[in-house]
Protein backbone atom coordinates (compact mmCIF):
# COMPACT_ATOMS: atom_id res chain seq x y z
CA UNK A 1 13.21 37.03 -3.36
CA UNK A 2 9.84 35.95 -4.50
CA UNK A 3 8.89 34.47 -7.87
CA UNK A 4 6.28 36.34 -9.88
CA UNK A 5 2.92 35.58 -8.60
CA UNK A 6 2.48 33.68 -12.00
CA UNK A 7 5.10 31.87 -11.30
CA UNK A 8 4.57 27.90 -11.82
CA UNK A 9 6.24 25.71 -8.93
CA UNK A 10 9.59 24.83 -9.43
CA UNK A 11 9.43 20.84 -10.44
CA UNK A 12 11.43 18.84 -13.44
CA UNK A 13 8.29 16.17 -13.66
CA UNK A 14 5.74 19.31 -14.99
CA UNK A 15 2.50 19.70 -13.97
CA UNK A 16 -0.88 17.70 -14.79
CA UNK A 17 -1.51 18.53 -18.68
CA UNK A 18 -5.66 18.76 -18.38
CA UNK A 19 -5.86 16.14 -20.88
CA UNK A 20 -3.72 13.62 -19.20
CA UNK A 21 -5.73 10.61 -17.81
CA UNK A 22 -4.33 10.64 -14.15
CA UNK A 23 -2.87 7.06 -14.32
CA UNK A 24 -0.53 8.39 -17.19
CA UNK A 25 0.35 11.21 -14.99
CA UNK A 26 1.54 8.86 -12.47
CA UNK A 27 3.15 6.74 -14.81
CA UNK A 28 5.33 9.82 -16.23
CA UNK A 29 6.67 10.35 -12.94
CA UNK A 30 7.43 6.72 -12.16
CA UNK A 31 9.37 6.83 -15.64
CA UNK A 32 11.28 9.98 -14.80
CA UNK A 33 14.88 9.64 -12.97
CA UNK A 34 14.63 10.83 -9.34
CA UNK A 35 13.04 14.52 -9.60
CA UNK A 36 11.52 17.13 -8.17
CA UNK A 37 8.06 16.82 -8.79
CA UNK A 38 4.93 18.94 -8.94
CA UNK A 39 3.69 16.98 -5.52
CA UNK A 40 0.03 18.93 -5.82
CA UNK A 41 -0.46 17.67 -9.72
CA UNK A 42 0.72 14.19 -8.18
CA UNK A 43 -1.40 14.21 -5.36
CA UNK A 44 -4.54 16.00 -7.22
CA UNK A 45 -3.72 12.94 -9.59
CA UNK A 46 -4.02 10.35 -6.91
CA UNK A 47 -7.03 12.31 -5.32
CA UNK A 48 -9.32 12.48 -8.35
CA UNK A 49 -8.90 8.15 -8.70
CA UNK A 50 -10.93 8.15 -5.71
CA UNK A 51 -13.32 11.44 -6.55
CA UNK A 52 -13.48 10.93 -10.53
CA UNK A 53 -16.57 13.66 -9.94
CA UNK A 54 -14.89 16.46 -8.14
CA UNK A 55 -14.09 19.83 -10.00
CA UNK A 56 -10.17 19.13 -11.20
CA UNK A 57 -10.69 22.82 -12.02
CA UNK A 58 -11.61 24.34 -9.11
CA UNK A 59 -8.82 22.65 -7.06
CA UNK A 60 -6.32 23.63 -9.56
CA UNK A 61 -7.46 27.40 -9.43
CA UNK A 62 -7.44 27.92 -5.78
CA UNK A 63 -3.66 25.94 -5.95
CA UNK A 64 -2.70 29.24 -8.30
CA UNK A 65 -4.60 30.92 -5.71
CA UNK A 66 -2.48 29.95 -3.06
CA UNK A 67 0.62 30.87 -4.62
CA UNK A 68 -0.16 34.00 -5.57
CA UNK A 69 -1.77 34.60 -2.24
CA UNK A 70 1.82 33.84 -0.88
CA UNK A 71 3.54 35.92 -3.30
CA UNK A 72 1.42 39.02 -2.15
CA UNK A 73 2.16 38.69 1.63
CA UNK A 74 5.85 38.25 0.91
CA UNK A 75 5.71 41.41 -1.11
CA UNK A 76 3.88 43.19 2.06
CA UNK A 77 6.65 41.96 4.70
CA UNK A 78 8.81 44.32 2.48
CA UNK A 79 12.13 41.87 3.92
CA UNK A 80 13.64 39.32 2.22
CA UNK A 81 14.31 36.74 4.68
CA UNK A 82 13.40 33.42 6.84
CA UNK A 83 10.98 35.11 8.73
CA UNK A 84 9.17 36.64 6.30
CA UNK A 85 8.75 33.98 3.97
CA UNK A 86 7.66 31.62 7.10
CA UNK A 87 5.23 34.63 8.05
CA UNK A 88 3.52 34.74 4.39
CA UNK A 89 3.08 31.00 4.21
CA UNK A 90 1.51 31.03 7.68
CA UNK A 91 -0.81 33.84 7.10
CA UNK A 92 -2.00 32.64 3.87
CA UNK A 93 -2.56 29.00 4.39
CA UNK A 94 -3.53 28.93 7.96
CA UNK A 95 -4.75 32.16 8.59
CA UNK A 96 -6.56 33.33 5.42
CA UNK A 97 -7.44 29.83 4.29
CA UNK A 98 -7.80 28.20 7.23
CA UNK A 99 -5.81 25.15 6.53
CA UNK A 100 -5.18 22.83 9.93
CA UNK A 101 -4.87 19.28 11.49
CA UNK A 102 -7.81 17.24 11.59
CA UNK A 103 -7.31 16.62 15.29
CA UNK A 104 -11.36 15.43 15.34
CA UNK A 105 -11.51 12.60 12.99
CA UNK A 106 -7.58 12.02 12.43
CA UNK A 107 -7.86 8.94 10.70
CA UNK A 108 -10.84 9.87 8.14
CA UNK A 109 -9.28 8.73 4.75
CA UNK A 110 -10.43 11.90 3.44
CA UNK A 111 -7.57 13.27 5.61
CA UNK A 112 -5.04 11.97 2.96
CA UNK A 113 -7.20 12.99 -0.26
CA UNK A 114 -5.85 16.25 -1.91
CA UNK A 115 -9.64 17.40 -3.57
CA UNK A 116 -11.34 16.76 0.09
CA UNK A 117 -8.07 18.55 1.96
CA UNK A 118 -8.89 21.75 -0.11
CA UNK A 119 -12.59 21.62 0.31
CA UNK A 120 -12.72 20.79 4.01
CA UNK A 121 -9.57 22.98 5.04
CA UNK A 122 -8.79 19.83 7.22
CA UNK A 123 -5.73 16.94 6.62
CA UNK A 124 -3.22 15.00 7.61
CA UNK A 125 0.43 16.07 8.31
CA UNK A 126 1.77 14.84 4.99
CA UNK A 127 -0.89 16.43 2.79
CA UNK A 128 -1.17 19.50 4.25
CA UNK A 129 2.51 19.76 4.24
CA UNK A 130 1.98 19.35 0.17
CA UNK A 131 0.20 22.62 0.02
CA UNK A 132 3.04 24.33 2.13
CA UNK A 133 5.60 23.01 0.09
CA UNK A 134 3.75 23.65 -3.56
CA UNK A 135 3.27 27.58 -2.10
CA UNK A 136 6.86 27.85 -0.94
CA UNK A 137 8.22 26.47 -4.18
CA UNK A 138 5.78 28.60 -6.51
CA UNK A 139 7.74 31.43 -4.77
CA UNK A 140 11.16 29.58 -5.87
CA UNK A 141 11.84 29.27 -2.12
CA UNK A 142 14.26 25.70 -0.83
CA UNK A 143 11.38 24.05 0.61
CA UNK A 144 11.52 20.01 1.39
CA UNK A 145 10.08 17.02 3.34
CA UNK A 146 11.78 15.60 5.91
CA UNK A 147 12.29 12.18 6.65
CA UNK A 148 10.56 12.60 10.27
CA UNK A 149 9.36 9.58 12.00
CA UNK A 150 5.44 9.53 12.76
CA UNK A 151 4.33 13.66 11.80
CA UNK A 152 5.59 14.82 8.76
CA UNK A 153 7.11 18.23 8.51
CA UNK A 154 8.74 20.88 6.17
CA UNK A 155 12.27 22.55 5.90
CA UNK A 156 12.44 25.83 4.74
CA UNK A 157 15.57 27.77 3.67
CA UNK A 158 16.02 31.25 2.72
CA UNK A 159 18.18 33.87 2.57
CA UNK A 160 20.81 32.09 4.93
CA UNK A 161 18.56 31.01 7.38
CA UNK A 162 16.90 27.34 7.93
CA UNK A 163 13.48 26.55 9.56
CA UNK A 164 11.29 23.38 10.36
CA UNK A 165 7.83 24.19 10.11
CA UNK A 166 4.89 21.97 11.35
CA UNK A 167 1.84 22.29 8.68
CA UNK A 168 -0.49 20.14 10.78
CA UNK A 169 -0.01 23.19 13.26
CA UNK A 170 -0.29 26.41 11.32
CA UNK A 171 3.31 26.29 10.25
CA UNK A 172 4.52 26.99 13.43
CA UNK A 173 8.23 26.86 13.83
CA UNK A 174 9.19 23.63 15.46
CA UNK A 175 12.40 24.10 17.59
CA UNK A 176 14.77 21.14 18.71
CA UNK A 177 12.88 20.57 22.23
CA UNK A 178 9.34 20.07 20.52
CA UNK A 179 11.06 17.65 18.07
CA UNK A 180 12.56 15.16 20.94
CA UNK A 181 9.21 15.64 21.96
CA UNK A 182 7.54 14.35 18.92
CA UNK A 183 9.98 11.82 18.38
CA UNK A 184 9.57 10.51 21.96
CA UNK A 185 6.07 10.31 21.09
CA UNK A 186 6.52 8.05 18.27
CA UNK A 187 9.21 5.73 19.39
CA UNK A 188 9.07 5.46 23.18
CA UNK A 189 10.64 7.53 25.80
CA UNK A 190 14.68 6.33 25.41
CA UNK A 191 13.94 7.61 21.82
CA UNK A 192 16.29 10.80 21.08
CA UNK A 193 16.15 12.79 17.66
CA UNK A 194 19.14 11.89 15.27
CA UNK A 195 20.78 13.72 12.24
CA UNK A 196 18.89 11.07 10.09
CA UNK A 197 15.19 12.59 11.00
CA UNK A 198 16.56 15.79 9.29
CA UNK A 199 17.28 14.02 6.09
CA UNK A 200 15.21 15.39 3.36
CA UNK A 201 12.68 13.09 1.53
CA UNK A 202 12.82 12.99 -2.11
CA UNK A 203 9.54 14.15 -3.63
CA UNK A 204 8.55 10.54 -4.78
CA UNK A 205 8.97 9.52 -0.83
CA UNK A 206 6.30 12.54 0.34
CA UNK A 207 3.88 11.09 -2.09
CA UNK A 208 4.21 7.62 -0.54
CA UNK A 209 4.16 9.05 2.74
CA UNK A 210 0.77 10.20 1.59
CA UNK A 211 -0.42 6.95 0.50
CA UNK A 212 0.84 4.93 3.19
CA UNK A 213 -1.48 6.76 5.51
CA UNK A 214 -4.43 5.61 3.00
CA UNK A 215 -3.37 1.83 2.85
CA UNK A 216 -2.51 1.88 6.18
CA UNK A 217 -6.13 2.56 7.25
CA UNK A 218 -7.62 0.49 4.76
CA UNK A 219 -5.90 -2.52 6.12
CA UNK A 220 -6.84 -1.84 9.27
CA UNK A 221 -10.39 -1.31 8.16
CA UNK A 222 -10.07 -5.19 5.89
CA UNK A 223 -10.79 -3.17 2.87
CA UNK A 224 -8.23 -5.34 1.13
CA UNK A 225 -9.21 -4.88 -2.75
CA UNK A 226 -8.68 -0.95 -2.10
CA UNK A 227 -5.56 -1.37 -0.22
CA UNK A 228 -4.30 -3.51 -3.00
CA UNK A 229 -5.17 -0.55 -5.48
CA UNK A 230 -3.75 1.61 -3.64
CA UNK A 231 -0.16 -0.24 -3.81
CA UNK A 232 -0.69 -0.50 -7.45
CA UNK A 233 -1.37 3.49 -7.40
CA UNK A 234 2.58 3.34 -5.92
CA UNK A 235 3.82 1.31 -7.93
CA UNK A 236 3.04 3.57 -10.99
CA UNK A 237 4.90 6.12 -9.55
CA UNK A 238 7.40 4.50 -7.93
CA UNK A 239 7.80 1.25 -9.95
CA UNK A 240 11.48 0.71 -8.31
CA UNK A 241 10.22 0.69 -4.44
CA UNK A 242 10.86 -3.87 -5.27
CA UNK A 243 9.10 -3.92 -1.76
CA UNK A 244 5.81 -2.63 -3.30
CA UNK A 245 5.06 -5.64 -4.63
CA UNK A 246 5.73 -8.16 -2.14
CA UNK A 247 3.23 -5.78 0.14
CA UNK A 248 0.68 -6.34 -2.86
CA UNK A 249 1.36 -10.03 -3.17
CA UNK A 250 0.69 -10.46 0.32
CA UNK A 251 -2.65 -8.03 0.46
CA UNK A 252 -3.75 -10.14 -2.46
CA UNK A 253 -2.90 -13.27 -0.10
CA UNK A 254 -4.93 -12.43 2.48
CA UNK A 255 -7.75 -11.80 -0.09
CA UNK A 256 -7.69 -14.91 -1.63
CA UNK A 257 -6.53 -13.67 -5.37
CA UNK A 258 -3.69 -16.03 -5.15
CA UNK A 259 -2.94 -16.30 -8.78
CA UNK A 260 -2.67 -12.03 -8.32
CA UNK A 261 -0.60 -12.73 -5.33
CA UNK A 262 1.56 -15.28 -6.81
CA UNK A 263 2.13 -12.94 -9.60
CA UNK A 264 3.13 -9.96 -7.35
CA UNK A 265 5.63 -11.82 -5.35
CA UNK A 266 7.27 -13.41 -8.44
CA UNK A 267 7.94 -9.93 -9.17
CA UNK A 268 9.47 -9.17 -5.99
CA UNK A 269 11.81 -11.99 -5.67
CA UNK A 270 12.87 -11.76 -9.16
CA UNK A 271 14.33 -8.42 -8.24
CA UNK A 272 15.57 -8.81 -5.04
CA UNK A 273 18.35 -9.48 -3.01
CA UNK A 274 18.47 -12.47 -0.95
CA UNK A 275 17.31 -12.26 2.21
CA UNK A 276 14.57 -13.81 4.85
CA UNK A 277 11.86 -11.63 3.04
CA UNK A 278 13.06 -12.94 -0.51
CA UNK A 279 13.27 -16.74 1.00
CA UNK A 280 9.44 -16.53 2.84
CA UNK A 281 7.78 -14.78 -0.52
CA UNK A 282 9.43 -18.04 -2.08
CA UNK A 283 7.97 -20.17 0.06
CA UNK A 284 4.34 -18.41 -0.06
CA UNK A 285 4.35 -18.59 -4.13
CA UNK A 286 5.05 -22.46 -3.84
CA UNK A 287 2.42 -22.66 -1.28
CA UNK A 288 0.06 -20.81 -3.48
CA UNK A 289 0.63 -22.66 -6.88
CA UNK A 290 -0.06 -25.49 -5.04
CA UNK A 291 -3.43 -24.30 -4.01
CA UNK A 292 -3.99 -22.88 -7.55
CA UNK A 293 -3.07 -26.45 -9.21
């Protein structure tokens, strides 16, 4: 059954309190055990760091309205099955609100900033997916992001039914043939759909996927200082992702911030198991320290 219209999204990490600084809220996610996160709140907190003057109140009100509108659309359907859930999500997010993938300016950083996505009604698959997950979980439905390569999709389960939805394309249902096509687009014509592509992503990993989209674009644009800042944000909510320290160290080294690079790489090597990456990091630390002396 659908939740009542004023039910908050199901989450073991609570929504972002109004008075809490964004970085503190992200750190609270990082301090919690693996949990269901209020993804929309977390994405708003991340977005606000780049747009501190934007209206959080308006965005929060919109998220509430989305949840309520989907609840109303589900009630109008008059039945409690998966098709009614899918219809309600697509009817509200795609048709009523106009959310769609940005095909014209796919690499625009605004497409991964949830505040901008809400204003423009355009975004990347993962940013739009967070809105779909928010609206579905508001109803108490079982919805997760999937570890699918190159194109974020969500899995919705309800009343014994299951479907994979594409938030970038109006919440369309993706059948096996289309999933196979997407895998081949990313990995080449010899690639095949595998069982692991159906694995659910932990909510923290969804946020990492969102931020990685920004980081990669910043690195490609040689905006290395900004890229390093986004890695630091990822470390706030995912402090156990030790590889982020290596990424940060390499970016800082490329930027010429030798001391910061050495410190980040030392954090990486201290927690990493023995590997070629750890050996390379230790060599780079020695090189950086020799240049500092």
